[in-house]
Protein backbone atom coordinates (compact mmCIF):
# COMPACT_ATOMS: atom_id res chain seq x y z
CA MET A 1 0.00 0.00 0.00
CA THR A 2 1.30 3.48 -0.88
CA ASP A 3 1.53 6.40 1.48
CA ARG A 4 -1.35 8.01 -0.39
CA GLU A 5 -3.59 4.97 0.09
CA THR A 6 -2.90 4.85 3.83
CA GLY A 7 -3.42 8.59 4.28
CA GLN A 8 0.08 8.92 5.69
CA ARG A 9 2.79 11.32 4.64
CA ASP A 10 6.55 11.33 4.67
CA GLY A 11 7.06 7.61 4.86
CA GLY A 12 4.19 7.08 7.28
CA ALA A 13 5.63 9.35 9.96
CA GLU A 14 2.68 11.73 9.96
CA ARG A 15 -1.04 11.30 9.41
CA GLY A 16 -2.85 13.98 7.49
CA ARG A 17 -4.64 14.74 4.26
CA ASP A 18 -4.81 12.14 1.56
CA GLU A 19 -2.61 13.98 -0.94
CA THR A 20 0.61 13.46 -2.81
CA PRO A 21 3.57 15.77 -2.19
CA GLU A 22 2.71 17.55 -5.44
CA GLU A 23 -0.93 18.01 -4.41
CA ARG A 24 0.19 19.28 -1.00
CA ALA A 25 2.56 21.76 -2.67
CA ASP A 26 -0.26 22.96 -4.97
CA ARG A 27 -2.58 23.45 -1.98
CA GLN A 28 0.09 25.21 0.05
CA TRP A 29 0.89 27.44 -2.93
CA GLN A 30 -2.76 28.48 -3.26
CA ASP A 31 -2.98 29.18 0.48
CA LEU A 32 0.19 31.26 0.35
CA MET A 33 -1.01 33.27 -2.64
CA GLN A 34 -4.26 34.12 -0.83
CA GLU A 35 -2.27 35.31 2.19
CA ILE A 36 0.07 37.38 0.03
CA ARG A 37 -2.86 39.04 -1.78
CA VAL A 38 -4.12 40.40 1.52
CA VAL A 39 -0.85 41.77 2.83
CA GLN A 40 0.59 42.83 -0.53
CA THR A 41 -2.22 45.26 -1.28
CA GLY A 42 -1.85 46.95 2.08
CA VAL A 43 1.91 47.32 1.87
CA GLN A 44 1.72 48.70 -1.67
CA ILE A 45 -0.88 51.31 -0.68
CA LEU A 46 1.20 52.26 2.36
CA LEU A 47 4.33 52.61 0.24
CA GLY A 48 2.45 54.67 -2.32
CA PHE A 49 1.37 57.15 0.34
CA LEU A 50 4.86 57.22 1.84
CA LEU A 51 6.40 58.02 -1.52
CA THR A 52 4.25 61.16 -1.85
CA VAL A 53 5.27 62.69 1.49
CA VAL A 54 8.58 64.01 0.17
CA PHE A 55 6.67 66.12 -2.39
CA THR A 56 4.50 67.91 0.17
CA PRO A 57 5.32 71.38 1.52
CA ARG A 58 5.40 70.02 5.08
CA TYR A 59 8.36 67.75 4.30
CA GLU A 60 10.82 70.66 4.23
CA SER A 61 9.83 71.68 7.75
CA LEU A 62 10.67 68.25 9.20
CA SER A 63 13.74 67.99 11.40
CA SER A 64 16.72 66.05 10.10
CA THR A 65 15.80 63.25 12.54
CA ASP A 66 12.26 63.06 11.15
CA LYS A 67 13.60 63.10 7.59
CA GLY A 68 15.89 60.23 8.54
CA ILE A 69 12.95 58.29 9.99
CA TYR A 70 11.02 59.01 6.80
CA ILE A 71 13.82 57.69 4.58
CA LEU A 72 14.15 54.59 6.76
CA THR A 73 10.40 54.04 6.53
CA VAL A 74 10.39 54.32 2.72
CA VAL A 75 13.33 51.91 2.45
CA LEU A 76 11.64 49.41 4.80
CA GLY A 77 8.38 49.71 2.84
CA SER A 78 10.26 49.12 -0.41
CA LEU A 79 11.99 46.06 1.06
CA ALA A 80 8.66 44.71 2.33
CA THR A 81 7.11 45.22 -1.10
CA GLY A 82 10.01 43.40 -2.73
CA ALA A 83 9.78 40.46 -0.35
CA LEU A 84 6.01 40.18 -0.82
CA ILE A 85 6.18 40.38 -4.61
CA GLY A 86 9.18 38.01 -4.66
CA PRO A 87 7.13 34.79 -4.53
CA VAL A 88 5.34 35.71 -7.76
CA SER A 89 8.59 36.35 -9.58
CA PHE A 90 10.12 33.22 -8.05
CA HIS A 91 7.20 31.14 -9.30
CA ARG A 92 7.38 32.64 -12.80
CA ILE A 93 11.09 31.90 -13.10
CA VAL A 94 10.91 28.28 -11.90
CA ALA A 95 7.46 27.38 -13.30
CA GLY A 96 7.38 24.13 -15.24
CA ARG A 97 10.58 22.80 -13.67
CA ARG A 98 8.82 20.51 -11.17
CA LEU A 99 10.05 22.59 -8.25
CA LYS A 100 6.71 23.39 -6.60
CA PRO A 101 7.64 22.11 -3.09
CA GLU A 102 10.88 24.12 -3.18
CA THR A 103 9.03 27.13 -4.60
CA VAL A 104 6.49 26.95 -1.77
CA ALA A 105 9.27 26.77 0.83
CA TRP A 106 11.16 29.77 -0.60
CA ALA A 107 7.98 31.77 -1.20
CA SER A 108 6.95 31.12 2.38
CA ARG A 109 10.30 32.42 3.63
CA LEU A 110 10.01 35.53 1.47
CA THR A 111 6.47 36.12 2.72
CA PHE A 112 7.51 35.80 6.35
CA MET A 113 10.40 38.20 5.72
CA GLY A 114 7.92 40.57 4.06
CA ILE A 115 5.70 40.43 7.14
CA LEU A 116 8.67 41.22 9.40
CA LEU A 117 9.62 44.12 7.12
CA LEU A 118 6.01 45.31 7.13
CA LEU A 119 6.10 45.29 10.93
CA ALA A 120 9.25 47.43 10.82
CA THR A 121 7.69 49.73 8.20
CA LEU A 122 4.51 50.28 10.19
CA THR A 123 6.49 50.86 13.38
CA SER A 124 8.78 53.35 11.68
CA ALA A 125 5.85 55.16 10.02
CA LEU A 126 4.06 55.30 13.36
CA VAL A 127 7.14 56.81 15.02
CA LEU A 128 7.30 59.51 12.36
CA ILE A 129 3.60 60.31 12.45
CA LEU A 130 3.45 60.39 16.25
CA ARG A 131 6.55 62.60 16.45
CA VAL A 132 4.98 65.09 14.05
CA ALA A 133 1.44 64.92 15.46
CA THR A 134 1.93 64.72 19.24
CA ASP A 135 4.04 65.70 22.18
CA ASN A 136 7.18 63.57 21.95
CA ALA A 137 6.79 62.45 25.57
CA ILE A 138 3.88 60.15 24.73
CA VAL A 139 5.35 58.69 21.53
CA PRO A 140 7.16 55.80 23.24
CA TRP A 141 4.02 54.80 25.14
CA LEU A 142 1.78 54.90 22.10
CA LEU A 143 4.38 53.10 20.00
CA ALA A 144 4.87 50.39 22.64
CA GLY A 145 1.13 49.78 22.82
CA VAL A 146 0.67 49.47 19.06
CA LEU A 147 3.80 47.36 18.64
CA ALA A 148 2.65 45.04 21.43
CA TRP A 149 -0.69 44.69 19.64
CA TYR A 150 1.01 43.81 16.34
CA LEU A 151 3.23 41.27 18.06
CA LEU A 152 0.27 39.74 19.86
CA CYS A 153 -1.92 39.48 16.74
CA TRP A 154 0.75 38.50 14.24
CA PHE A 155 3.04 36.25 16.26
CA ALA A 156 2.16 35.49 19.90
CA LEU A 157 -1.43 34.36 19.37
CA PRO A 158 -0.71 32.16 16.32
CA LEU A 159 2.33 30.62 18.05
CA TRP A 160 0.30 29.98 21.19
CA VAL A 161 -2.51 28.32 19.19
CA ARG A 162 0.00 26.26 17.20
CA SER A 163 1.72 25.11 20.37
CA ARG A 164 -1.49 24.39 22.25
CA TYR A 165 -3.33 22.53 19.52
CA THR A 166 -0.29 20.77 18.03
CA ALA A 167 0.53 19.33 21.44
CA LYS A 168 -3.14 18.41 22.01
CA SER A 169 -3.56 16.62 18.68
CA GLY A 170 -0.21 14.87 19.14
CA SER A 171 -1.22 13.52 22.56
CA GLU A 172 -4.59 12.39 21.20
CA GLU A 173 -2.84 10.40 18.48
CA ARG A 174 -0.53 8.80 21.04
CA ASP A 175 -3.54 7.97 23.21
CA GLY A 176 -5.34 6.51 20.24
CA GLY A 177 -7.90 9.38 20.13
C-alpha cells in the first residue's frame, strides 16, 4: 500500500490529508497566494502614500531626525514590497521545472520576511507620524502599545494556538484518540 492509500505522509511518519507531495505543494501554494494578496495590497498602498510625502510642503519643515525616519520608513516599505512580490517572480522563473515544493518553501520564507519588514515599516511610520502629530513624551508609550498589539496578533497568538493545539492533537494520536 502506498503512502497516499494509507493517508500517511513522509514515509508514514505523519497522518494527514490524503494527498501526494505535489498536491500538498499545490494546496500550500494556493494558500500562500491568498495570504500574500491580503498583505501585498496593504503594503503597496502604504508605500504609495509614503512616496508622496517628500513632495508635500510640510516635508521641508521636518527635522533632520524626522527626515531620517522618513527615509528609513520608505526603504523598509520598499523592502517589504520586494519580499512580498518576490514569490510571484520566483514562481514565474521556476514554473514548469517541477520545483513546486521548493518554490512553496522559498515563497513562504520571502512572505515571512515581508511580514517582518512590514512590521518594521509600520512601526517606523508610526514613530514619524506620532513625532509630528503629538508631544514627543507620549510617543514611546503609544508606540509600545501598538507594537505590542502587532506582536500579539501577528506572532504570539498564532504561536500559542500552534503550540497548544499541536501538542493536544499529538497527545490524542498517542492515546489513540
